[in-house]
Amino acid sequence: MKSSAAKIQITGLDDLFGGIPAQVAADQIQELSLRELHPFKEHPFHVADDEKMREMAESVAQYGVLVPGIVRPRPEGGYEIIAGHRRSRASELAGKETMPVIVRDMDDDEATIIMVDSNLQREKILPSEKAFAYRMKLEAMKRKAGRPSKENSTPVGQNLLGQTSVAILADNSPDSKSQIQRYIRLTHLLPPLLQMVDENKLVLRPAVELSYLTQEEQGLLLEVMSSREIVPTLEQAQQLKLGVSPRHRH
């Protein structure tokens, strides 16, 4: 599907995007209908209609979208947003019908890496967003490197998800290797527990220990936490983890 809008050749977008690969930034900008733009599959970052979004919508209404999004064509038609989900929503709220984007063909892994990198620059990111984003990017990096994902049994901080891959990921991320591994462990939590982490009701380190419990055990723990109005400390979470049969550990 082609846009009827004129294409504008631009240069120097690498500096403008701050980390977007030069080969992507050197492409052309098009004005595409918002109806043609679709969210990234399993996009881990929330697009909330909060005060920040209202401010962005006001800015878009007054000045337009200053930094183009990045999209790729979908086999079924339209375009998948790689970077620019918040800009797309702000454009909708501002009453816009189109948004400037860079259209580029890329495979799933390349798209995932760019999607995560573009969102990690945001000022405020929830732990759950980082958790699934880091996991998605790490899996994409492993596939691109030709190394299939493997089940890991070593503790957090000791090569949990492949030392080389995590180290490379940490080099290009705001968090350390160990912290990234902790965030990824959160993806094993039941949604209610993960929400407690997002709401600062459950601290990160105890949450990581609880992630080693089976879903059934986490469910039972949630019932106890709710009925007694308690939250496990790090020491208590570690004791719960040690009480789990080794065959249940990841």
C-alpha atoms as a PDB file:
ATOM      1  CA  MET A   1       0.000   0.000   0.000  1.00  0.00           C
ATOM      2  CA  LYS A   2       1.463   3.340  -1.010  1.00  0.00           C
ATOM      3  CA  SER A   3       0.818   6.761   0.442  1.00  0.00           C
ATOM      4  CA  SER A   4      -0.444   9.475  -1.882  1.00  0.00           C
ATOM      5  CA  ALA A   5       1.569  12.063   0.001  1.00  0.00           C
ATOM      6  CA  ALA A   6       4.814  13.297  -1.463  1.00  0.00           C
ATOM      7  CA  LYS A   7       7.974  11.718  -0.107  1.00  0.00           C
ATOM      8  CA  ILE A   8      10.607  14.009   1.345  1.00  0.00           C
ATOM      9  CA  GLN A   9      14.246  12.977   1.198  1.00  0.00           C
ATOM     10  CA  ILE A  10      16.049  13.942   4.393  1.00  0.00           C
ATOM     11  CA  THR A  11      19.499  13.467   5.867  1.00  0.00           C
ATOM     12  CA  GLY A  12      21.029  13.674   9.321  1.00  0.00           C
ATOM     13  CA  LEU A  13      18.091  11.981  11.051  1.00  0.00           C
ATOM     14  CA  ASP A  14      20.413   9.821  13.105  1.00  0.00           C
ATOM     15  CA  ASP A  15      21.106  12.775  15.400  1.00  0.00           C
ATOM     16  CA  LEU A  16      17.433  13.704  15.472  1.00  0.00           C
ATOM     17  CA  PHE A  17      16.307  10.262  16.592  1.00  0.00           C
ATOM     18  CA  GLY A  18      19.122   9.776  19.081  1.00  0.00           C
ATOM     19  CA  GLY A  19      19.980   6.116  18.684  1.00  0.00           C
ATOM     20  CA  ILE A  20      17.839   5.091  15.708  1.00  0.00           C
ATOM     21  CA  PRO A  21      20.084   3.198  13.248  1.00  0.00           C
ATOM     22  CA  ALA A  22      21.392   5.357  10.414  1.00  0.00           C
ATOM     23  CA  GLN A  23      20.045   2.961   7.771  1.00  0.00           C
ATOM     24  CA  VAL A  24      16.540   3.546   9.153  1.00  0.00           C
ATOM     25  CA  ALA A  25      16.966   7.278   9.638  1.00  0.00           C
ATOM     26  CA  ALA A  26      18.240   7.775   6.090  1.00  0.00           C
ATOM     27  CA  ASP A  27      14.927   6.622   4.615  1.00  0.00           C
ATOM     28  CA  GLN A  28      12.097   8.865   3.526  1.00  0.00           C
ATOM     29  CA  ILE A  29       9.274  10.508   5.449  1.00  0.00           C
ATOM     30  CA  GLN A  30       5.679   9.909   4.393  1.00  0.00           C
ATOM     31  CA  GLU A  31       2.372  11.215   5.695  1.00  0.00           C
ATOM     32  CA  LEU A  32       0.187   8.170   6.365  1.00  0.00           C
ATOM     33  CA  SER A  33      -3.408   7.969   7.495  1.00  0.00           C
ATOM     34  CA  LEU A  34      -3.781   7.051  11.161  1.00  0.00           C
ATOM     35  CA  ARG A  35      -6.250   4.392  10.034  1.00  0.00           C
ATOM     36  CA  GLU A  36      -3.379   2.623   8.281  1.00  0.00           C
ATOM     37  CA  LEU A  37      -1.223   2.477  11.431  1.00  0.00           C
ATOM     38  CA  HIS A  38      -1.501  -0.522  13.761  1.00  0.00           C
ATOM     39  CA  PRO A  39       0.188  -1.213  17.140  1.00  0.00           C
ATOM     40  CA  PHE A  40       3.243  -3.448  17.348  1.00  0.00           C
ATOM     41  CA  LYS A  41       2.283  -7.037  18.155  1.00  0.00           C
ATOM     42  CA  GLU A  42       2.582  -7.664  21.921  1.00  0.00           C
ATOM     43  CA  HIS A  43       3.784  -4.101  22.458  1.00  0.00           C
ATOM     44  CA  PRO A  44       5.033  -4.122  26.082  1.00  0.00           C
ATOM     45  CA  PHE A  45       4.721  -0.386  26.710  1.00  0.00           C
ATOM     46  CA  HIS A  46       1.436   1.108  27.882  1.00  0.00           C
ATOM     47  CA  VAL A  47      -0.070   4.066  26.025  1.00  0.00           C
ATOM     48  CA  ALA A  48      -2.093   5.804  28.724  1.00  0.00           C
ATOM     49  CA  ASP A  49      -4.391   8.787  28.296  1.00  0.00           C
ATOM     50  CA  ASP A  50      -2.766  10.580  31.223  1.00  0.00           C
ATOM     51  CA  GLU A  51      -1.627  14.156  31.793  1.00  0.00           C
ATOM     52  CA  LYS A  52       1.549  13.595  29.770  1.00  0.00           C
ATOM     53  CA  MET A  53      -0.537  12.361  26.856  1.00  0.00           C
ATOM     54  CA  ARG A  54      -2.838  15.368  27.073  1.00  0.00           C
ATOM     55  CA  GLU A  55       0.185  17.656  26.980  1.00  0.00           C
ATOM     56  CA  MET A  56       1.547  15.788  23.969  1.00  0.00           C
ATOM     57  CA  ALA A  57      -1.809  16.025  22.199  1.00  0.00           C
ATOM     58  CA  GLU A  58      -1.887  19.786  22.781  1.00  0.00           C
ATOM     59  CA  SER A  59       1.627  20.071  21.351  1.00  0.00           C
ATOM     60  CA  VAL A  60       0.697  17.992  18.305  1.00  0.00           C
ATOM     61  CA  ALA A  61      -2.415  20.101  17.763  1.00  0.00           C
ATOM     62  CA  GLN A  62      -0.316  23.268  17.790  1.00  0.00           C
ATOM     63  CA  TYR A  63       2.928  22.187  16.134  1.00  0.00           C
ATOM     64  CA  GLY A  64       2.245  18.789  14.582  1.00  0.00           C
ATOM     65  CA  VAL A  65       4.393  15.672  15.082  1.00  0.00           C
ATOM     66  CA  LEU A  66       7.976  16.949  15.018  1.00  0.00           C
ATOM     67  CA  VAL A  67       9.738  13.555  15.069  1.00  0.00           C
ATOM     68  CA  PRO A  68       8.390  10.989  12.564  1.00  0.00           C
ATOM     69  CA  GLY A  69       7.426   7.523  13.726  1.00  0.00           C
ATOM     70  CA  ILE A  70       8.905   4.351  12.252  1.00  0.00           C
ATOM     71  CA  VAL A  71       6.625   1.740  10.683  1.00  0.00           C
ATOM     72  CA  ARG A  72       6.867  -1.343   8.496  1.00  0.00           C
ATOM     73  CA  PRO A  73       4.392  -2.720   5.937  1.00  0.00           C
ATOM     74  CA  ARG A  74       2.074  -5.512   7.117  1.00  0.00           C
ATOM     75  CA  PRO A  75       1.367  -8.515   4.855  1.00  0.00           C
ATOM     76  CA  GLU A  76      -2.358  -8.080   5.493  1.00  0.00           C
ATOM     77  CA  GLY A  77      -2.247  -4.380   4.624  1.00  0.00           C
ATOM     78  CA  GLY A  78      -1.535  -1.199   6.510  1.00  0.00           C
ATOM     79  CA  TYR A  79       1.556  -0.572   8.604  1.00  0.00           C
ATOM     80  CA  GLU A  80       2.825  -1.793  11.971  1.00  0.00           C
ATOM     81  CA  ILE A  81       4.167   0.899  14.289  1.00  0.00           C
ATOM     82  CA  ILE A  82       7.737   0.231  15.409  1.00  0.00           C
ATOM     83  CA  ALA A  83       8.312   3.588  17.109  1.00  0.00           C
ATOM     84  CA  GLY A  84       5.634   6.211  17.635  1.00  0.00           C
ATOM     85  CA  HIS A  85       2.713   4.624  19.503  1.00  0.00           C
ATOM     86  CA  ARG A  86       2.327   7.631  21.801  1.00  0.00           C
ATOM     87  CA  ARG A  87       2.681  10.052  18.892  1.00  0.00           C
ATOM     88  CA  SER A  88      -0.016   8.141  17.037  1.00  0.00           C
ATOM     89  CA  ARG A  89      -2.398   8.337  19.998  1.00  0.00           C
ATOM     90  CA  ALA A  90      -1.601  12.018  20.550  1.00  0.00           C
ATOM     91  CA  SER A  91      -2.365  12.667  16.886  1.00  0.00           C
ATOM     92  CA  GLU A  92      -5.755  10.994  17.305  1.00  0.00           C
ATOM     93  CA  LEU A  93      -6.560  13.081  20.375  1.00  0.00           C
ATOM     94  CA  ALA A  94      -5.429  16.209  18.529  1.00  0.00           C
ATOM     95  CA  GLY A  95      -7.885  15.483  15.732  1.00  0.00           C
ATOM     96  CA  LYS A  96      -5.218  14.744  13.133  1.00  0.00           C
ATOM     97  CA  GLU A  97      -5.913  12.353  10.276  1.00  0.00           C
ATOM     98  CA  THR A  98      -2.305  11.608   9.318  1.00  0.00           C
ATOM     99  CA  MET A  99       1.116  11.292  10.936  1.00  0.00           C
ATOM    100  CA  PRO A 100       4.622  11.598   9.476  1.00  0.00           C
ATOM    101  CA  VAL A 101       6.447   8.269   9.486  1.00  0.00           C
ATOM    102  CA  ILE A 102       9.470   6.517   8.047  1.00  0.00           C
ATOM    103  CA  VAL A 103       8.454   3.327   6.247  1.00  0.00           C
ATOM    104  CA  ARG A 104      11.000   0.535   6.233  1.00  0.00           C
ATOM    105  CA  ASP A 105      10.987  -3.187   5.518  1.00  0.00           C
ATOM    106  CA  MET A 106      12.516  -5.104   8.427  1.00  0.00           C
ATOM    107  CA  ASP A 107      12.231  -8.569   9.931  1.00  0.00           C
ATOM    108  CA  ASP A 108      10.576  -9.300  13.270  1.00  0.00           C
ATOM    109  CA  ASP A 109      13.803  -9.312  15.280  1.00  0.00           C
ATOM    110  CA  GLU A 110      15.103  -6.047  13.848  1.00  0.00           C
ATOM    111  CA  ALA A 111      11.704  -4.459  14.435  1.00  0.00           C
ATOM    112  CA  THR A 112      11.612  -5.701  18.037  1.00  0.00           C
ATOM    113  CA  ILE A 113      15.066  -4.326  18.835  1.00  0.00           C
ATOM    114  CA  ILE A 114      14.258  -0.890  17.394  1.00  0.00           C
ATOM    115  CA  MET A 115      10.869  -0.853  19.155  1.00  0.00           C
ATOM    116  CA  VAL A 116      12.438  -1.563  22.544  1.00  0.00           C
ATOM    117  CA  ASP A 117      15.351   0.845  22.090  1.00  0.00           C
ATOM    118  CA  SER A 118      13.078   3.712  21.066  1.00  0.00           C
ATOM    119  CA  ASN A 119      10.881   3.274  24.147  1.00  0.00           C
ATOM    120  CA  LEU A 120      13.634   2.767  26.728  1.00  0.00           C
ATOM    121  CA  GLN A 121      14.499   6.447  26.292  1.00  0.00           C
ATOM    122  CA  ARG A 122      11.229   7.466  27.948  1.00  0.00           C
ATOM    123  CA  GLU A 123      11.443   9.320  31.259  1.00  0.00           C
ATOM    124  CA  LYS A 124       9.125   6.995  33.179  1.00  0.00           C
ATOM    125  CA  ILE A 125       8.877   3.256  32.495  1.00  0.00           C
ATOM    126  CA  LEU A 126       7.020   0.734  34.640  1.00  0.00           C
ATOM    127  CA  PRO A 127       8.892  -2.363  35.875  1.00  0.00           C
ATOM    128  CA  SER A 128       6.471  -4.591  33.942  1.00  0.00           C
ATOM    129  CA  GLU A 129       7.210  -2.649  30.754  1.00  0.00           C
ATOM    130  CA  LYS A 130      10.947  -3.054  31.216  1.00  0.00           C
ATOM    131  CA  ALA A 131      10.496  -6.730  32.073  1.00  0.00           C
ATOM    132  CA  PHE A 132       8.747  -7.731  28.867  1.00  0.00           C
ATOM    133  CA  ALA A 133      10.705  -5.266  26.723  1.00  0.00           C
ATOM    134  CA  TYR A 134      14.071  -6.625  27.874  1.00  0.00           C
ATOM    135  CA  ARG A 135      12.845 -10.189  27.415  1.00  0.00           C
ATOM    136  CA  MET A 136      11.618  -9.483  23.886  1.00  0.00           C
ATOM    137  CA  LYS A 137      14.840  -7.737  22.901  1.00  0.00           C
ATOM    138  CA  LEU A 138      17.080 -10.421  24.402  1.00  0.00           C
ATOM    139  CA  GLU A 139      15.203 -13.176  22.579  1.00  0.00           C
ATOM    140  CA  ALA A 140      15.441 -11.196  19.332  1.00  0.00           C
ATOM    141  CA  MET A 141      19.185 -10.678  19.837  1.00  0.00           C
ATOM    142  CA  LYS A 142      19.697 -14.400  20.394  1.00  0.00           C
ATOM    143  CA  ARG A 143      17.779 -15.293  17.251  1.00  0.00           C
ATOM    144  CA  LYS A 144      19.745 -12.783  15.201  1.00  0.00           C
ATOM    145  CA  ALA A 145      22.960 -14.249  16.574  1.00  0.00           C
ATOM    146  CA  GLY A 146      21.816 -17.731  15.600  1.00  0.00           C
ATOM    147  CA  ARG A 147      21.667 -18.978  19.165  1.00  0.00           C
ATOM    148  CA  PRO A 148      18.374 -20.646  20.117  1.00  0.00           C
ATOM    149  CA  SER A 149      16.925 -19.770  23.510  1.00  0.00           C
ATOM    150  CA  LYS A 150      17.688 -22.296  26.227  1.00  0.00           C
ATOM    151  CA  GLU A 151      16.123 -23.022  29.577  1.00  0.00           C
ATOM    152  CA  ASN A 152      18.246 -21.498  32.313  1.00  0.00           C
ATOM    153  CA  SER A 153      18.690 -22.937  35.778  1.00  0.00           C
ATOM    154  CA  THR A 154      21.392 -20.731  37.286  1.00  0.00           C
ATOM    155  CA  PRO A 155      20.527 -17.988  39.819  1.00  0.00           C
ATOM    156  CA  VAL A 156      19.960 -14.362  38.893  1.00  0.00           C
ATOM    157  CA  GLY A 157      23.268 -12.583  38.334  1.00  0.00           C
ATOM    158  CA  GLN A 158      25.036 -15.775  37.248  1.00  0.00           C
ATOM    159  CA  ASN A 159      24.460 -16.065  33.516  1.00  0.00           C
ATOM    160  CA  LEU A 160      20.702 -16.564  33.906  1.00  0.00           C
ATOM    161  CA  LEU A 161      19.869 -15.816  30.292  1.00  0.00           C
ATOM    162  CA  GLY A 162      23.179 -16.078  28.478  1.00  0.00           C
ATOM    163  CA  GLN A 163      26.003 -13.882  29.727  1.00  0.00           C
ATOM    164  CA  THR A 164      27.194 -12.649  26.358  1.00  0.00           C
ATOM    165  CA  SER A 165      23.743 -11.631  25.154  1.00  0.00           C
ATOM    166  CA  VAL A 166      22.781  -9.957  28.424  1.00  0.00           C
ATOM    167  CA  ALA A 167      26.126  -8.159  28.614  1.00  0.00           C
ATOM    168  CA  ILE A 168      25.622  -6.783  25.108  1.00  0.00           C
ATOM    169  CA  LEU A 169      22.073  -5.777  26.024  1.00  0.00           C
ATOM    170  CA  ALA A 170      23.316  -3.993  29.155  1.00  0.00           C
ATOM    171  CA  ASP A 171      25.899  -2.047  27.150  1.00  0.00           C
ATOM    172  CA  ASN A 172      23.061  -0.394  25.235  1.00  0.00           C
ATOM    173  CA  SER A 173      20.577  -0.052  28.089  1.00  0.00           C
ATOM    174  CA  PRO A 174      20.162   2.190  31.155  1.00  0.00           C
ATOM    175  CA  ASP A 175      20.291  -0.835  33.497  1.00  0.00           C
ATOM    176  CA  SER A 176      23.115  -3.166  34.507  1.00  0.00           C
ATOM    177  CA  LYS A 177      23.311  -6.799  33.424  1.00  0.00           C
ATOM    178  CA  SER A 178      22.134  -8.073  36.814  1.00  0.00           C
ATOM    179  CA  GLN A 179      19.287  -5.574  36.945  1.00  0.00           C
ATOM    180  CA  ILE A 180      18.143  -6.584  33.461  1.00  0.00           C
ATOM    181  CA  GLN A 181      18.119 -10.222  34.561  1.00  0.00           C
ATOM    182  CA  ARG A 182      16.002  -9.278  37.566  1.00  0.00           C
ATOM    183  CA  TYR A 183      13.521  -7.409  35.395  1.00  0.00           C
ATOM    184  CA  ILE A 184      13.205 -10.368  33.028  1.00  0.00           C
ATOM    185  CA  ARG A 185      12.443 -12.664  35.971  1.00  0.00           C
ATOM    186  CA  LEU A 186       9.349 -10.524  36.637  1.00  0.00           C
ATOM    187  CA  THR A 187       7.748 -11.916  33.470  1.00  0.00           C
ATOM    188  CA  HIS A 188       7.216 -15.165  35.419  1.00  0.00           C
ATOM    189  CA  LEU A 189       4.954 -13.444  37.960  1.00  0.00           C
ATOM    190  CA  LEU A 190       1.175 -13.665  37.895  1.00  0.00           C
ATOM    191  CA  PRO A 191      -0.388 -10.399  36.635  1.00  0.00           C
ATOM    192  CA  PRO A 192      -1.685  -9.339  40.097  1.00  0.00           C
ATOM    193  CA  LEU A 193       1.804  -9.681  41.604  1.00  0.00           C
ATOM    194  CA  LEU A 194       3.378  -7.858  38.677  1.00  0.00           C
ATOM    195  CA  GLN A 195       0.836  -5.071  39.094  1.00  0.00           C
ATOM    196  CA  MET A 196       1.859  -4.771  42.744  1.00  0.00           C
ATOM    197  CA  VAL A 197       5.444  -4.203  41.582  1.00  0.00           C
ATOM    198  CA  ASP A 198       4.257  -1.475  39.194  1.00  0.00           C
ATOM    199  CA  GLU A 199       2.319   0.158  42.028  1.00  0.00           C
ATOM    200  CA  ASN A 200       5.316  -0.012  44.412  1.00  0.00           C
ATOM    201  CA  LYS A 201       3.395  -2.307  46.743  1.00  0.00           C
ATOM    202  CA  LEU A 202       5.911  -5.116  46.184  1.00  0.00           C
ATOM    203  CA  VAL A 203       9.634  -4.346  46.017  1.00  0.00           C
ATOM    204  CA  LEU A 204      11.681  -5.608  43.068  1.00  0.00           C
ATOM    205  CA  ARG A 205      14.055  -7.987  44.879  1.00  0.00           C
ATOM    206  CA  PRO A 206      11.353  -9.914  46.802  1.00  0.00           C
ATOM    207  CA  ALA A 207       9.303 -10.029  43.595  1.00  0.00           C
ATOM    208  CA  VAL A 208      12.231 -11.650  41.778  1.00  0.00           C
ATOM    209  CA  GLU A 209      12.436 -14.364  44.439  1.00  0.00           C
ATOM    210  CA  LEU A 210       8.679 -14.973  44.214  1.00  0.00           C
ATOM    211  CA  SER A 211       8.971 -15.397  40.442  1.00  0.00           C
ATOM    212  CA  TYR A 212      10.517 -18.832  41.072  1.00  0.00           C
ATOM    213  CA  LEU A 213       7.252 -20.091  42.577  1.00  0.00           C
ATOM    214  CA  THR A 214       4.848 -21.955  40.317  1.00  0.00           C
ATOM    215  CA  GLN A 215       1.701 -20.140  39.219  1.00  0.00           C
ATOM    216  CA  GLU A 216      -0.343 -22.266  41.612  1.00  0.00           C
ATOM    217  CA  GLU A 217       1.954 -21.360  44.497  1.00  0.00           C
ATOM    218  CA  GLN A 218       1.840 -17.696  43.547  1.00  0.00           C
ATOM    219  CA  GLY A 219      -1.947 -17.887  43.515  1.00  0.00           C
ATOM    220  CA  LEU A 220      -2.015 -19.353  47.024  1.00  0.00           C
ATOM    221  CA  LEU A 221       0.422 -16.685  48.179  1.00  0.00           C
ATOM    222  CA  LEU A 222      -1.812 -13.958  46.764  1.00  0.00           C
ATOM    223  CA  GLU A 223      -4.741 -15.311  48.776  1.00  0.00           C
ATOM    224  CA  VAL A 224      -2.692 -15.192  51.978  1.00  0.00           C
ATOM    225  CA  MET A 225      -1.378 -11.713  51.192  1.00  0.00           C
ATOM    226  CA  SER A 226      -4.913 -10.465  50.556  1.00  0.00           C
ATOM    227  CA  SER A 227      -6.545 -12.069  53.593  1.00  0.00           C
ATOM    228  CA  ARG A 228      -3.802 -10.987  56.000  1.00  0.00           C
ATOM    229  CA  GLU A 229      -2.957  -7.704  54.264  1.00  0.00           C
ATOM    230  CA  ILE A 230       0.757  -8.492  54.247  1.00  0.00           C
ATOM    231  CA  VAL A 231       3.581  -8.282  51.712  1.00  0.00           C
ATOM    232  CA  PRO A 232       6.607 -10.619  51.919  1.00  0.00           C
ATOM    233  CA  THR A 233       9.959  -9.135  52.840  1.00  0.00           C
ATOM    234  CA  LEU A 234      13.073 -10.130  50.914  1.00  0.00           C
ATOM    235  CA  GLU A 235      13.993 -12.675  53.589  1.00  0.00           C
ATOM    236  CA  GLN A 236      10.495 -14.175  53.571  1.00  0.00           C
ATOM    237  CA  ALA A 237      10.461 -14.325  49.768  1.00  0.00           C
ATOM    238  CA  GLN A 238      13.820 -16.106  49.786  1.00  0.00           C
ATOM    239  CA  GLN A 239      12.490 -18.641  52.282  1.00  0.00           C
ATOM    240  CA  LEU A 240       9.459 -19.256  50.079  1.00  0.00           C
ATOM    241  CA  LYS A 241      11.743 -19.784  47.095  1.00  0.00           C
ATOM    242  CA  LEU A 242      13.907 -22.277  49.004  1.00  0.00           C
ATOM    243  CA  GLY A 243      10.789 -24.227  49.906  1.00  0.00           C
ATOM    244  CA  VAL A 244      10.028 -24.854  46.227  1.00  0.00           C
ATOM    245  CA  SER A 245      10.961 -28.227  44.773  1.00  0.00           C
ATOM    246  CA  PRO A 246      13.982 -27.927  42.396  1.00  0.00           C
ATOM    247  CA  ARG A 247      11.935 -29.341  39.536  1.00  0.00           C
ATOM    248  CA  HIS A 248       9.686 -26.274  39.739  1.00  0.00           C
ATOM    249  CA  ARG A 249      12.507 -23.787  39.365  1.00  0.00           C
ATOM    250  CA  HIS A 250      13.291 -22.099  36.044  1.00  0.00           C
END
